[in-house]
Amino acid sequence: MLLVVFHNVNQVLTREKATIFCLLKMESCSDFLPWLEPDTAIKIFMYLEDPSDLVRASAVSHSWRQFVIANGLCKQMSVRMFPELSGVACATIEPMGVRSNNSMEWESLERDHRVYAFFARGLASFVRNDCISKAISASSTDNYPEESIQNTLQPNDSYWSSKGKSDPSVPETLTYKLTANLCVITEISIRPFKAYFQVGGPIYSAKAVRFHMGHPKSSMNIGSDLMDEFMAGRISAEDKFTWTYTSPEFPMAQENCLQKFKLPEPVLCIGGFLQIELLGRVQRQEIDGLFYICVSHVQVLGRPFSPMFDVEMLDASGKCILKYYLEAKHCLSPKRSSEGEPSAPSRLRSFMAGFMQGGMRGWEQIILNSLLGNVAGDDESDEELVA
């Protein structure tokens, strides 16, 4: 009966139907793949809610695994979650190892499947951290180095100050390196500086803020010498980076507090650089009559990917290679919540609890085997499968 329902391409599918159908197959019911057009089968698989559910489905049988791999479903689901991944030209596993007897096309599809399966697992296990690694440059600095961008990294009484301008519409930018070349960013917080030492305690906020994320235009190394050049204003950051994401404009309050700016959707920053654009000035300094912007602290919340993943930028347009490092096998550890406890189970696991009481330990081994390329008891090692 369910086969008749899913056979109709125009039938409205739900995640619950797709999940139950996959579970029926897991319970040794008939395989629906031979009965359906490929587009319909893909639609069913893609209605699975969690990327890890798709990996579990690919562990059911060789035919299911081949279908998931051949259609690049792990990559499709990852790109659906984060459109920034559409700029990935290819994925690699390091070290590459010795090539097998499979065709080059199938080897590439299998490699994509493994890399994006692990990558999706990393996307699902989200724990928020401060993602700033170092301050790179400010578009201007009033008294360098006493009022440099470095002062924004710690929540204390120090601050960064722009140069004074007679035109309040002149913007400023602050550029930071994130803790990894791949980070999922959800929220950015900024605290304007209140000058307690000036009459009336003026607050030098901006009128609004906007955020840019991206990568260097070339594979430059941000070392200490180059950073000094940036900091002193002798090199412009605007000429060195390509911004692949630009946020909406957020109004900033003239208040002495850490103001939180939540992005409309989590953003995958590929390249590891963030620029804060401070738009407009509201406070004039009494001593010289010029407008300034001053910031005492910046915080970037998100999840940096572990060193098992990296990107190699191919050109200034954002095309890149996604790299997975084989030796970092700890990526299959249980998902954790922000409190450090295992996160809530996916919908598929919830159904599994009802259908397969007591069988979770063995099922998790099947998932592991699928990620490593094994199905139904294959004995190949991880190293052999990625060769």
Protein backbone atom coordinates (compact mmCIF):
# COMPACT_ATOMS: atom_id res chain seq x y z
CA MET A 1 0.00 0.00 0.00
CA LEU A 2 2.80 2.39 0.89
CA LEU A 3 4.47 1.58 -2.43
CA VAL A 4 1.38 2.89 -4.24
CA VAL A 5 1.46 6.09 -2.16
CA PHE A 6 5.14 6.81 -2.79
CA HIS A 7 5.01 5.75 -6.45
CA ASN A 8 3.03 8.88 -7.34
CA VAL A 9 5.54 11.64 -8.10
CA ASN A 10 2.98 14.32 -7.33
CA GLN A 11 2.12 12.83 -3.94
CA VAL A 12 3.03 15.25 -1.14
CA LEU A 13 5.71 13.55 0.93
CA THR A 14 6.38 14.27 4.57
CA ARG A 15 9.46 13.59 6.63
CA GLU A 16 7.45 11.22 8.79
CA LYS A 17 6.35 9.13 5.77
CA ALA A 18 9.88 8.99 4.40
CA THR A 19 11.30 8.00 7.77
CA ILE A 20 8.68 5.28 8.38
CA PHE A 21 9.21 3.96 4.88
CA CYS A 22 12.95 3.69 5.41
CA LEU A 23 12.32 1.92 8.70
CA LEU A 24 10.00 -0.58 7.01
CA LYS A 25 12.86 -1.43 4.67
CA MET A 26 15.15 -1.81 7.68
CA GLU A 27 12.62 -4.28 9.07
CA SER A 28 13.19 -6.52 5.99
CA CYS A 29 10.16 -5.27 4.03
CA SER A 30 10.27 -4.95 0.27
CA ASP A 31 12.76 -2.53 -1.26
CA PHE A 32 10.97 0.42 -2.83
CA LEU A 33 13.85 1.52 -5.07
CA PRO A 34 13.06 -0.82 -8.02
CA TRP A 35 9.45 0.40 -8.01
CA LEU A 36 10.13 4.12 -8.22
CA GLU A 37 11.54 6.62 -10.65
CA PRO A 38 14.96 7.88 -9.46
CA ASP A 39 13.66 11.42 -8.89
CA THR A 40 10.91 10.13 -6.61
CA ALA A 41 13.33 7.94 -4.66
CA ILE A 42 15.70 10.89 -4.23
CA LYS A 43 12.82 13.00 -2.94
CA ILE A 44 12.00 10.36 -0.33
CA PHE A 45 15.60 10.11 0.87
CA MET A 46 16.00 13.89 0.96
CA TYR A 47 12.98 14.22 3.25
CA LEU A 48 14.99 12.58 6.01
CA GLU A 49 15.45 15.31 8.59
CA ASP A 50 18.99 14.72 9.84
CA PRO A 51 22.13 14.08 7.72
CA SER A 52 23.05 11.23 10.05
CA ASP A 53 19.69 9.60 9.18
CA LEU A 54 20.73 9.58 5.53
CA VAL A 55 23.98 7.85 6.50
CA ARG A 56 22.03 5.26 8.48
CA ALA A 57 19.76 4.67 5.50
CA SER A 58 22.82 4.10 3.30
CA ALA A 59 23.89 1.33 5.71
CA VAL A 60 20.74 -0.75 5.09
CA SER A 61 21.96 -2.53 1.97
CA HIS A 62 24.44 -2.34 -0.88
CA SER A 63 21.75 -1.11 -3.27
CA TRP A 64 20.74 1.71 -0.93
CA ARG A 65 24.36 2.69 -0.36
CA GLN A 66 25.06 2.72 -4.10
CA PHE A 67 21.96 4.84 -4.73
CA VAL A 68 22.93 7.39 -2.03
CA ILE A 69 26.50 7.59 -3.32
CA ALA A 70 25.64 7.69 -7.03
CA ASN A 71 23.25 10.61 -6.52
CA GLY A 72 25.52 12.52 -4.14
CA LEU A 73 22.77 12.77 -1.51
CA CYS A 74 25.11 13.52 1.41
CA LYS A 75 26.53 16.47 -0.51
CA GLN A 76 23.05 17.61 -1.58
CA MET A 77 21.82 17.62 2.00
CA SER A 78 24.92 19.46 3.25
CA VAL A 79 24.55 22.13 0.52
CA ARG A 80 20.86 22.46 1.36
CA MET A 81 21.81 23.17 4.97
CA PHE A 82 24.61 25.57 4.02
CA PRO A 83 24.48 27.02 0.48
CA GLU A 84 28.07 28.28 0.95
CA LEU A 85 29.21 24.70 0.22
CA SER A 86 28.12 25.12 -3.40
CA GLY A 87 31.53 26.75 -3.96
CA VAL A 88 33.34 23.48 -3.17
CA ALA A 89 34.87 22.20 -6.41
CA CYS A 90 35.79 18.78 -5.01
CA ALA A 91 36.44 16.91 -1.78
CA THR A 92 39.58 14.99 -0.83
CA ILE A 93 40.67 12.58 1.88
CA GLU A 94 44.18 13.06 3.21
CA PRO A 95 46.37 11.06 2.82
CA MET A 96 45.00 9.98 -0.54
CA GLY A 97 46.52 6.51 -0.42
CA VAL A 98 46.69 4.01 -3.30
CA ARG A 99 43.90 4.05 -5.83
CA SER A 100 41.62 1.03 -6.11
CA ASN A 101 40.42 -0.80 -9.23
CA ASN A 102 37.17 1.19 -9.29
CA SER A 103 36.59 3.77 -11.98
CA MET A 104 37.82 7.28 -11.27
CA GLU A 105 34.23 8.57 -11.40
CA TRP A 106 33.02 6.08 -8.79
CA GLU A 107 36.06 6.74 -6.61
CA SER A 108 35.20 10.45 -6.68
CA LEU A 109 31.56 9.75 -5.76
CA GLU A 110 32.58 7.47 -2.87
CA ARG A 111 35.07 10.04 -1.61
CA ASP A 112 32.43 12.77 -1.69
CA HIS A 113 30.03 10.50 0.19
CA ARG A 114 32.50 9.85 3.01
CA VAL A 115 33.70 13.43 3.31
CA TYR A 116 30.22 14.95 3.33
CA ALA A 117 28.90 12.25 5.67
CA PHE A 118 31.55 13.16 8.23
CA PHE A 119 31.04 16.85 7.46
CA ALA A 120 27.29 16.61 8.04
CA ARG A 121 27.98 14.87 11.32
CA GLY A 122 30.10 17.86 12.32
CA LEU A 123 27.32 20.24 11.31
CA ALA A 124 24.85 18.39 13.51
CA SER A 125 27.05 18.35 16.64
CA PHE A 126 26.87 22.05 17.30
CA VAL A 127 28.42 23.59 20.43
CA ARG A 128 28.72 27.38 20.51
CA ASN A 129 32.10 28.92 21.28
CA ASP A 130 33.86 32.23 20.81
CA CYS A 131 35.35 31.84 17.34
CA ILE A 132 37.78 34.77 17.21
CA SER A 133 41.42 33.74 16.95
CA LYS A 134 43.17 37.08 16.38
CA ALA A 135 42.53 40.66 15.39
CA ILE A 136 43.88 41.52 11.93
CA SER A 137 43.23 45.15 11.12
CA ALA A 138 41.10 48.25 11.57
CA SER A 139 40.36 50.71 8.78
CA SER A 140 41.74 53.48 11.00
CA THR A 141 43.16 53.83 14.53
CA ASP A 142 43.35 57.09 16.47
CA ASN A 143 46.28 56.35 18.78
CA TYR A 144 48.20 53.26 17.66
CA PRO A 145 48.97 50.97 19.44
CA GLU A 146 47.32 52.24 22.65
CA GLU A 147 43.84 52.21 21.05
CA SER A 148 44.36 49.33 18.58
CA ILE A 149 41.90 46.62 17.53
CA GLN A 150 43.73 44.18 19.81
CA ASN A 151 41.94 45.80 22.75
CA THR A 152 38.59 44.45 21.50
CA LEU A 153 39.53 40.83 22.18
CA GLN A 154 39.12 41.01 25.97
CA PRO A 155 36.16 42.37 27.98
CA ASN A 156 38.03 45.02 29.98
CA ASP A 157 38.36 48.81 30.10
CA SER A 158 40.59 49.06 27.01
CA TYR A 159 39.13 49.93 23.60
CA TRP A 160 39.70 50.53 19.90
CA SER A 161 39.11 54.04 18.58
CA SER A 162 38.76 55.19 15.01
CA LYS A 163 40.25 58.42 13.77
CA GLY A 164 37.98 61.44 14.13
CA LYS A 165 35.92 62.57 11.13
CA SER A 166 33.92 65.72 10.50
CA ASP A 167 31.49 63.70 8.34
CA PRO A 168 29.39 61.37 10.56
CA SER A 169 28.54 59.08 7.63
CA VAL A 170 32.13 57.78 7.20
CA PRO A 171 32.16 54.03 8.05
CA GLU A 172 34.88 51.96 9.75
CA THR A 173 35.80 48.26 9.54
CA LEU A 174 37.31 45.74 11.96
CA THR A 175 38.75 42.52 10.51
CA TYR A 176 39.34 39.29 12.47
CA LYS A 177 40.75 35.82 11.85
CA LEU A 178 38.49 33.04 13.12
CA THR A 179 39.73 29.97 14.98
CA ALA A 180 39.33 27.69 11.93
CA ASN A 181 39.06 27.98 8.16
CA LEU A 182 35.58 26.44 8.50
CA CYS A 183 33.26 27.95 11.10
CA VAL A 184 29.50 28.03 11.47
CA ILE A 185 28.66 31.50 12.83
CA THR A 186 25.32 32.28 14.49
CA GLU A 187 25.75 35.50 16.46
CA ILE A 188 28.11 38.48 16.80
CA SER A 189 28.19 40.76 19.84
CA ILE A 190 29.70 44.26 20.07
CA ARG A 191 30.10 46.55 23.05
CA PRO A 192 30.53 50.27 22.25
CA PHE A 193 32.95 52.17 24.45
CA LYS A 194 31.78 54.62 27.08
CA ALA A 195 34.37 57.34 27.79
CA TYR A 196 34.07 57.64 31.57
CA PHE A 197 37.01 60.10 31.57
CA GLN A 198 35.09 62.62 29.43
CA VAL A 199 32.41 65.00 30.64
CA GLY A 200 29.00 63.28 30.55
CA GLY A 201 30.47 59.83 29.80
CA PRO A 202 29.67 59.83 26.05
CA ILE A 203 29.20 56.46 24.27
CA TYR A 204 30.93 56.23 20.88
CA SER A 205 28.72 53.69 19.13
CA ALA A 206 27.96 53.34 15.44
CA LYS A 207 24.50 53.87 13.99
CA ALA A 208 24.40 50.37 12.49
CA VAL A 209 26.56 47.31 11.79
CA ARG A 210 26.93 44.83 8.96
CA PHE A 211 29.03 41.65 8.81
CA HIS A 212 31.10 40.12 6.03
CA MET A 213 32.70 36.64 5.95
CA GLY A 214 35.14 35.18 3.49
CA HIS A 215 38.72 34.34 2.64
CA PRO A 216 42.00 35.90 1.47
CA LYS A 217 42.25 36.60 -2.23
CA SER A 218 45.53 34.70 -2.23
CA SER A 219 47.00 32.05 0.05
CA MET A 220 48.79 34.64 2.18
CA ASN A 221 50.04 33.79 5.65
CA ILE A 222 48.87 36.25 8.29
CA GLY A 223 52.11 36.32 10.24
CA SER A 224 53.26 38.81 12.86
CA ASP A 225 55.07 41.08 10.38
CA LEU A 226 52.09 41.32 8.04
CA MET A 227 49.77 41.89 10.99
CA ASP A 228 51.93 44.81 12.12
CA GLU A 229 51.57 46.29 8.64
CA PHE A 230 47.79 45.89 8.83
CA MET A 231 47.64 47.34 12.32
CA ALA A 232 49.72 50.38 11.43
CA GLY A 233 47.41 51.09 8.49
CA ARG A 234 50.10 50.62 5.84
CA ILE A 235 48.16 47.76 4.19
CA SER A 236 44.43 47.86 3.48
CA ALA A 237 42.43 44.76 4.37
CA GLU A 238 39.92 45.72 1.68
CA ASP A 239 42.43 44.76 -1.01
CA LYS A 240 43.32 41.38 0.49
CA PHE A 241 40.00 39.58 1.10
CA THR A 242 37.00 38.28 -0.83
CA TRP A 243 33.75 38.46 1.14
CA THR A 244 31.41 35.62 0.18
CA TYR A 245 28.69 36.47 2.72
CA THR A 246 27.21 39.83 3.67
CA SER A 247 24.64 40.11 6.45
CA PRO A 248 21.66 42.45 6.65
CA GLU A 249 22.21 45.80 8.32
CA PHE A 250 21.52 45.83 12.07
CA PRO A 251 20.79 49.03 14.03
CA MET A 252 23.12 49.65 16.98
CA ALA A 253 21.96 51.29 20.20
CA GLN A 254 24.01 54.01 21.87
CA GLU A 255 24.28 51.93 25.03
CA ASN A 256 27.22 50.72 27.10
CA CYS A 257 26.47 47.00 26.92
CA LEU A 258 27.36 43.92 24.89
CA GLN A 259 24.83 44.17 22.06
CA LYS A 260 23.94 40.86 20.38
CA PHE A 261 23.30 40.61 16.65
CA LYS A 262 21.87 37.24 15.67
CA LEU A 263 22.25 36.27 12.01
CA PRO A 264 19.01 35.33 10.17
CA GLU A 265 20.45 31.84 9.57
CA PRO A 266 23.68 30.16 10.70
CA VAL A 267 26.41 30.97 8.18
CA LEU A 268 29.21 28.61 7.17
CA CYS A 269 32.28 30.82 6.85
CA ILE A 270 34.64 29.20 4.33
CA GLY A 271 38.06 30.80 4.60
CA GLY A 272 37.98 31.88 8.23
CA PHE A 273 37.84 35.71 8.14
CA LEU A 274 35.20 38.08 9.51
CA GLN A 275 34.84 41.80 8.93
CA ILE A 276 32.61 44.06 11.02
CA GLU A 277 31.42 47.13 9.15
CA LEU A 278 30.46 50.00 11.46
CA LEU A 279 28.06 52.29 9.62
CA GLY A 280 27.68 55.92 10.67
CA ARG A 281 28.79 57.87 13.74
CA VAL A 282 26.58 59.31 16.46
CA GLN A 283 28.95 60.82 19.01
CA ARG A 284 31.01 63.98 18.56
CA GLN A 285 34.04 64.47 20.82
CA GLU A 286 33.80 67.78 22.66
CA ILE A 287 37.53 68.53 22.62
CA ASP A 288 37.91 68.60 18.80
CA GLY A 289 34.37 68.54 17.44
CA LEU A 290 35.00 65.36 15.41
CA PHE A 291 32.91 62.18 15.25
CA TYR A 292 34.47 58.89 16.48
CA ILE A 293 33.51 55.21 16.75
CA CYS A 294 34.96 53.27 19.69
CA VAL A 295 34.53 49.56 20.53
CA SER A 296 35.58 47.92 23.77
CA HIS A 297 34.75 44.26 23.05
CA VAL A 298 33.76 41.94 20.17
CA GLN A 299 32.56 38.35 20.50
CA VAL A 300 31.74 35.91 17.69
CA LEU A 301 29.62 32.89 18.62
CA GLY A 302 29.56 29.75 16.52
CA ARG A 303 31.21 26.39 16.03
CA PRO A 304 34.70 26.05 14.58
CA PHE A 305 35.28 22.76 12.80
CA SER A 306 38.05 20.60 14.22
CA PRO A 307 41.39 20.24 12.38
CA MET A 308 40.07 17.10 10.67
CA PHE A 309 38.53 19.49 8.10
CA ASP A 310 40.20 22.24 6.13
CA VAL A 311 39.76 24.10 2.86
CA GLU A 312 42.18 25.03 0.12
CA MET A 313 41.07 28.12 -1.76
CA LEU A 314 41.51 27.78 -5.53
CA ASP A 315 40.75 31.32 -6.66
CA ALA A 316 39.33 34.65 -5.54
CA SER A 317 35.80 33.64 -6.57
CA GLY A 318 35.49 31.27 -3.62
CA LYS A 319 36.04 27.94 -5.39
CA CYS A 320 37.81 25.60 -2.99
CA ILE A 321 38.73 22.02 -2.13
CA LEU A 322 37.17 20.52 1.00
CA LYS A 323 39.73 18.32 2.78
CA TYR A 324 39.12 15.61 5.36
CA TYR A 325 42.12 14.29 7.32
CA LEU A 326 41.81 10.56 7.82
CA GLU A 327 43.73 10.33 11.08
CA ALA A 328 41.10 12.39 12.94
CA LYS A 329 38.60 9.57 13.47
CA HIS A 330 37.14 11.05 16.66
CA CYS A 331 34.57 12.89 14.53
CA LEU A 332 32.14 10.03 15.19
CA SER A 333 31.87 10.87 18.90
CA PRO A 334 28.32 11.40 20.22
CA LYS A 335 26.69 14.72 19.50
CA ARG A 336 26.80 17.15 22.42
CA SER A 337 24.55 19.95 23.50
CA SER A 338 25.78 23.32 24.72
CA GLU A 339 25.61 21.97 28.29
CA GLY A 340 27.95 19.12 27.40
CA GLU A 341 25.33 16.35 27.49
CA PRO A 342 24.42 14.14 24.51
CA SER A 343 21.93 15.94 22.31
CA ALA A 344 18.36 14.82 21.73
CA PRO A 345 17.97 11.87 19.30
CA SER A 346 16.94 12.47 15.73
CA ARG A 347 13.47 11.50 14.54
CA LEU A 348 14.83 8.32 12.98
CA ARG A 349 16.39 7.25 16.27
CA SER A 350 13.10 7.93 18.04
CA PHE A 351 11.33 5.59 15.63
CA MET A 352 14.14 3.08 15.99
CA ALA A 353 13.59 2.94 19.74
CA GLY A 354 10.09 1.65 19.10
CA PHE A 355 10.93 -0.77 16.28
CA MET A 356 14.24 -2.17 17.47
CA GLN A 357 14.30 -2.26 21.26
CA GLY A 358 17.72 -3.15 22.57
CA GLY A 359 19.42 -3.13 19.18
CA MET A 360 20.96 0.33 19.15
CA ARG A 361 24.53 -0.72 19.93
CA GLY A 362 24.70 -3.04 16.93
CA TRP A 363 22.94 -0.48 14.73
CA GLU A 364 25.49 2.21 15.60
CA GLN A 365 28.22 -0.19 14.42
CA ILE A 366 26.38 -0.49 11.09
CA ILE A 367 26.37 3.31 10.83
CA LEU A 368 30.10 3.37 11.47
CA ASN A 369 30.62 0.69 8.83
CA SER A 370 28.61 2.71 6.32
CA LEU A 371 30.69 5.83 6.92
CA LEU A 372 33.82 3.78 6.42
CA GLY A 373 32.40 2.10 3.33
CA ASN A 374 31.38 -1.26 4.83
CA VAL A 375 27.91 -2.77 4.53
CA ALA A 376 26.58 -6.04 5.95
CA GLY A 377 29.75 -7.26 7.55
CA ASP A 378 32.44 -6.18 5.10
CA ASP A 379 35.87 -6.39 6.73
CA GLU A 380 37.70 -3.72 4.82
CA SER A 381 39.63 -1.18 6.90
CA ASP A 382 39.21 2.58 6.76
CA GLU A 383 42.60 2.98 5.13
CA GLU A 384 41.78 0.46 2.41
CA LEU A 385 38.44 2.05 1.62
CA VAL A 386 39.75 5.55 1.15
CA ALA A 387 42.66 4.42 -1.01
